Protein backbone atom coordinates (compact mmCIF):
# COMPACT_ATOMS: atom_id res chain seq x y z
CA GLU A 1 0.26 0.08 -0.11
CA GLY A 2 1.17 3.41 -0.58
CA ASN A 3 3.83 5.09 -2.92
CA VAL A 4 7.34 4.11 -2.62
CA GLY A 5 9.83 7.23 -3.15
CA ILE A 6 13.43 7.62 -3.64
CA GLY A 7 15.10 10.92 -3.56
CA ILE A 8 11.42 12.74 -2.89
CA ILE A 9 9.75 12.60 0.36
CA ASN A 10 6.28 12.80 -0.05
CA PRO A 11 6.16 10.52 -3.95
CA SER A 12 2.96 11.13 -5.88
CA ASN A 13 3.59 7.96 -8.14
CA LYS A 14 3.78 4.06 -7.22
CA LEU A 15 7.30 4.50 -7.63
CA HIS A 16 8.85 7.72 -7.79
CA ILE A 17 12.15 8.80 -8.87
CA ILE A 18 13.91 11.77 -8.54
CA HIS A 19 17.46 12.09 -9.49
CA ASN A 20 20.06 14.44 -10.59
CA GLY A 21 22.96 13.21 -11.44
CA ASP A 22 24.78 12.07 -14.23
CA TYR A 23 24.12 8.37 -14.20
CA PRO A 24 20.38 6.83 -14.64
CA GLY A 25 17.81 7.24 -11.88
CA LEU A 26 16.87 3.97 -12.81
CA ALA A 27 18.61 0.93 -14.08
CA VAL A 28 16.94 -2.93 -14.10
CA ASN A 29 19.60 -5.67 -15.61
CA GLN A 30 18.46 -9.36 -16.50
CA SER A 31 21.01 -12.38 -16.90
CA GLY A 32 18.00 -14.69 -17.14
CA GLU A 33 15.95 -15.54 -20.16
CA GLY A 34 13.51 -13.33 -19.29
CA ASN A 35 12.49 -9.47 -20.07
CA SER A 36 14.27 -6.60 -18.55
CA SER A 37 11.17 -5.11 -17.63
CA VAL A 38 7.19 -5.36 -18.59
CA PHE A 39 4.81 -2.31 -18.75
CA THR A 40 1.48 -3.46 -19.47
CA ILE A 41 -2.11 -2.10 -19.49
CA ASP A 42 -4.94 -4.99 -18.90
CA ASN A 43 -7.38 -2.33 -18.77
CA THR A 44 -9.12 -2.64 -22.44
CA GLY A 45 -10.92 0.51 -22.07
CA ASN A 46 -7.40 2.31 -21.16
CA SER A 47 -6.35 4.99 -24.15
CA ALA A 48 -3.26 6.01 -22.83
CA ALA A 49 0.20 4.80 -23.42
CA ALA A 50 1.92 2.23 -21.68
CA LEU A 51 5.04 3.78 -21.79
CA GLU A 52 5.72 7.17 -22.00
CA ALA A 53 9.03 9.32 -21.86
CA SER A 54 9.41 12.56 -22.07
CA SER A 55 12.78 15.38 -22.07
CA ASN A 56 13.05 18.75 -22.14
CA GLY A 57 17.15 18.09 -23.01
CA THR A 58 18.82 18.20 -26.23
CA GLY A 59 19.34 14.33 -26.40
CA HIS A 60 17.21 11.24 -27.53
CA VAL A 61 13.64 10.76 -25.44
CA ILE A 62 14.17 7.32 -26.51
CA GLN A 63 17.49 5.43 -26.99
CA ALA A 64 17.64 1.85 -28.19
CA ARG A 65 21.01 -0.17 -28.46
CA HIS A 66 21.55 -3.74 -29.61
CA PHE A 67 25.01 -5.24 -28.94
CA GLY A 68 24.42 -8.78 -30.17
CA LEU A 69 24.47 -10.42 -33.38
CA GLU A 70 20.89 -11.82 -33.65
CA GLY A 71 17.79 -9.65 -33.00
CA ASN A 72 16.63 -5.82 -33.59
CA ALA A 73 17.07 -2.84 -31.46
CA GLY A 74 13.26 -1.94 -31.18
CA ARG A 75 10.20 -3.37 -32.55
CA PHE A 76 6.72 -2.16 -32.74
CA ARG A 77 3.70 -4.87 -33.59
CA ILE A 78 0.08 -5.04 -32.95
CA ASP A 79 -0.86 -8.59 -32.28
CA ASN A 80 -4.81 -7.87 -32.98
CA ALA A 81 -5.76 -8.91 -36.57
CA GLY A 82 -8.75 -6.82 -36.24
CA ASN A 83 -6.66 -3.62 -35.37
CA SER A 84 -6.07 -1.49 -37.93
CA ASN A 85 -4.33 1.45 -36.77
CA VAL A 86 -0.68 1.62 -37.80
CA ALA A 87 1.81 -0.83 -35.57
CA LEU A 88 4.56 2.53 -35.56
CA TYR A 89 3.79 6.28 -35.56
CA ALA A 90 5.76 9.08 -35.96
CA ARG A 91 4.69 12.70 -35.48
CA THR A 92 6.53 15.76 -35.01
CA ASP A 93 5.11 20.00 -34.95
CA GLY A 94 8.62 21.32 -35.45
CA ASP A 95 10.23 21.89 -39.20
CA GLY A 96 12.23 18.46 -39.28
CA PRO A 97 11.16 15.07 -40.74
CA ALA A 98 8.85 13.00 -38.87
CA LEU A 99 10.84 9.68 -39.76
CA GLY A 100 13.92 9.29 -40.67
CA GLY A 101 16.77 6.67 -41.21
CA ASN A 102 20.05 6.64 -41.33
CA ASN A 103 22.49 3.43 -41.99
CA MET A 104 26.16 3.91 -40.99
CA GLY A 105 26.73 0.37 -42.71
CA ASN A 106 26.71 -1.69 -45.62
CA GLY A 107 23.11 -2.51 -45.35
CA ILE A 108 20.02 -0.56 -46.61
CA ALA A 109 18.31 3.01 -45.03
CA GLY A 110 14.98 1.31 -45.30
CA PHE A 111 12.78 -1.76 -45.80
CA PHE A 112 8.70 -2.23 -46.77
CA ASN A 113 7.27 -5.93 -47.28
CA ILE A 114 4.49 -7.24 -47.48
CA LEU A 115 4.79 -11.00 -46.90
CA ASP A 116 0.93 -12.16 -47.16
CA SER A 117 1.11 -13.16 -50.79
CA ASN A 118 -2.80 -12.41 -50.40
CA ASN A 119 -2.44 -8.87 -50.00
CA ASP A 120 -3.77 -6.49 -52.46
CA LYS A 121 -2.13 -3.51 -50.66
CA THR A 122 0.46 -0.98 -51.69
CA ALA A 123 3.84 -1.80 -49.31
CA LEU A 124 4.44 1.55 -49.36
CA GLU A 125 1.90 4.72 -49.64
CA VAL A 126 3.39 8.41 -49.54
CA LYS A 127 1.15 11.14 -49.51
CA THR A 128 1.00 14.68 -48.65
CA ASN A 129 -1.59 17.08 -48.20
CA GLY A 130 0.58 20.20 -49.06
CA ILE A 131 2.04 21.78 -51.82
CA GLY A 132 5.42 20.32 -52.13
CA SER A 133 5.90 16.93 -53.72
CA ALA A 134 4.78 13.74 -52.71
CA GLY A 135 8.27 11.93 -52.73
CA ILE A 136 12.20 13.15 -54.04
CA PHE A 137 14.48 10.58 -54.78
CA GLU A 138 17.90 11.88 -54.75
CA ILE A 139 21.76 10.66 -54.73
CA ASP A 140 24.17 13.13 -53.37
CA ASN A 141 27.13 11.23 -54.34
CA ASN A 142 28.64 12.77 -57.55
CA SER A 143 30.50 10.03 -58.66
CA ASN A 144 27.36 7.49 -58.36
CA THR A 145 26.28 6.29 -61.55
CA GLU A 146 23.28 4.21 -60.39
CA ALA A 147 19.67 5.61 -60.54
CA ALA A 148 18.08 7.18 -58.42
CA LEU A 149 14.41 5.30 -58.41
CA VAL A 150 14.80 1.68 -59.49
CA ALA A 151 11.33 0.02 -60.21
CA VAL A 152 11.33 -3.91 -60.44
CA THR A 153 8.45 -6.51 -60.94
CA ASN A 154 8.92 -10.59 -61.12
CA GLY A 155 4.56 -10.55 -61.98
CA THR A 156 2.83 -9.73 -65.10
CA GLY A 157 2.45 -5.96 -64.45
CA PRO A 158 3.94 -2.96 -64.85
CA ALA A 159 6.88 -1.97 -63.36
CA LEU A 160 5.77 1.88 -63.05
CA HIS A 161 2.30 2.67 -63.50
CA ILE A 162 2.40 6.84 -63.94
CA GLN A 163 -1.38 8.38 -63.41
CA ASP A 164 -1.63 11.86 -65.18
CA VAL A 165 1.16 13.91 -66.65
CA MET A 166 4.59 13.27 -66.55
CA ARG A 167 7.39 15.29 -67.10
CA ILE A 168 10.60 15.25 -67.99
CA GLU A 169 13.13 18.23 -67.73
CA PRO A 170 14.38 19.50 -70.91
CA SER A 171 18.11 19.20 -71.21
CA THR A 172 21.39 18.38 -73.28
CA VAL A 173 22.82 15.58 -74.36
CA PRO A 174 23.41 13.25 -71.58
CA GLY A 175 26.84 11.73 -71.41
CA SER A 176 27.82 7.55 -71.46
CA PRO A 177 24.26 6.85 -72.81
CA SER A 178 22.83 3.34 -72.88
CA GLU A 179 20.21 1.59 -74.72
CA GLY A 180 17.02 2.52 -73.95
CA ASP A 181 17.96 5.77 -72.10
CA ILE A 182 14.99 8.84 -72.63
CA TYR A 183 15.59 12.25 -72.21
CA MET A 184 14.09 15.40 -73.39
CA ASP A 185 16.29 17.66 -76.07
CA SER A 186 16.17 21.71 -74.73
CA THR A 187 17.39 22.73 -78.40
CA THR A 188 15.34 20.41 -80.60
CA HIS A 189 12.51 20.26 -78.48
CA LYS A 190 12.12 16.23 -79.33
CA LEU A 191 12.11 13.48 -77.04
CA MET A 192 15.04 11.41 -77.49
CA VAL A 193 15.83 8.20 -76.81
CA TYR A 194 19.66 5.77 -77.09
CA ASP A 195 19.12 2.90 -79.48
CA GLY A 196 22.74 1.59 -78.50
CA SER A 197 24.47 3.75 -81.14
CA THR A 198 22.91 6.71 -81.90
CA TRP A 199 20.34 9.28 -80.07
CA GLN A 200 16.44 8.69 -82.13
CA ALA A 201 13.93 11.39 -81.82
CA CYS A 202 10.16 9.72 -81.26
CA TRP A 203 8.72 11.96 -83.94
């Protein structure tokens, strides 16, 4: 019964810790096979967060680190098949991105995969109600010769489907072309395609 306080005389929570040092206010270590900690809400009518972390500092609110050879640094999962909400929701009221990913190794920065072969939903949907672009694919490395966007399909449908107008910015003749390359010539104002040896006008 009652509340337990550490560093506080009159605790207002079941466990209330006030800490002013340079080390963590609470540390939980697990050397066995179970979880190091569990936060659960049993009341189905409770709409509050099971775990809330807040910060007024300049560091991360939550940092998850994994030092082993197996396992993810973080996992968000909805086990109820009738739940149509997102497993991971990111929001910002500032000017920065709501969600960002950096890869410092040799892997990819982002991966979206649908495992159910009967699922007819889109693996990735990008939408904006603002006045900017819905998506930008850009290569910053000027020595990179790869395409900024690659569309591949192993099915029978098109690799790329564009609804409404597609715009190709007019330019001069590209260097080192490959067969199938297309550009809009800024001088002749014609759509040009490379046949493997010569640029051909489409009309």
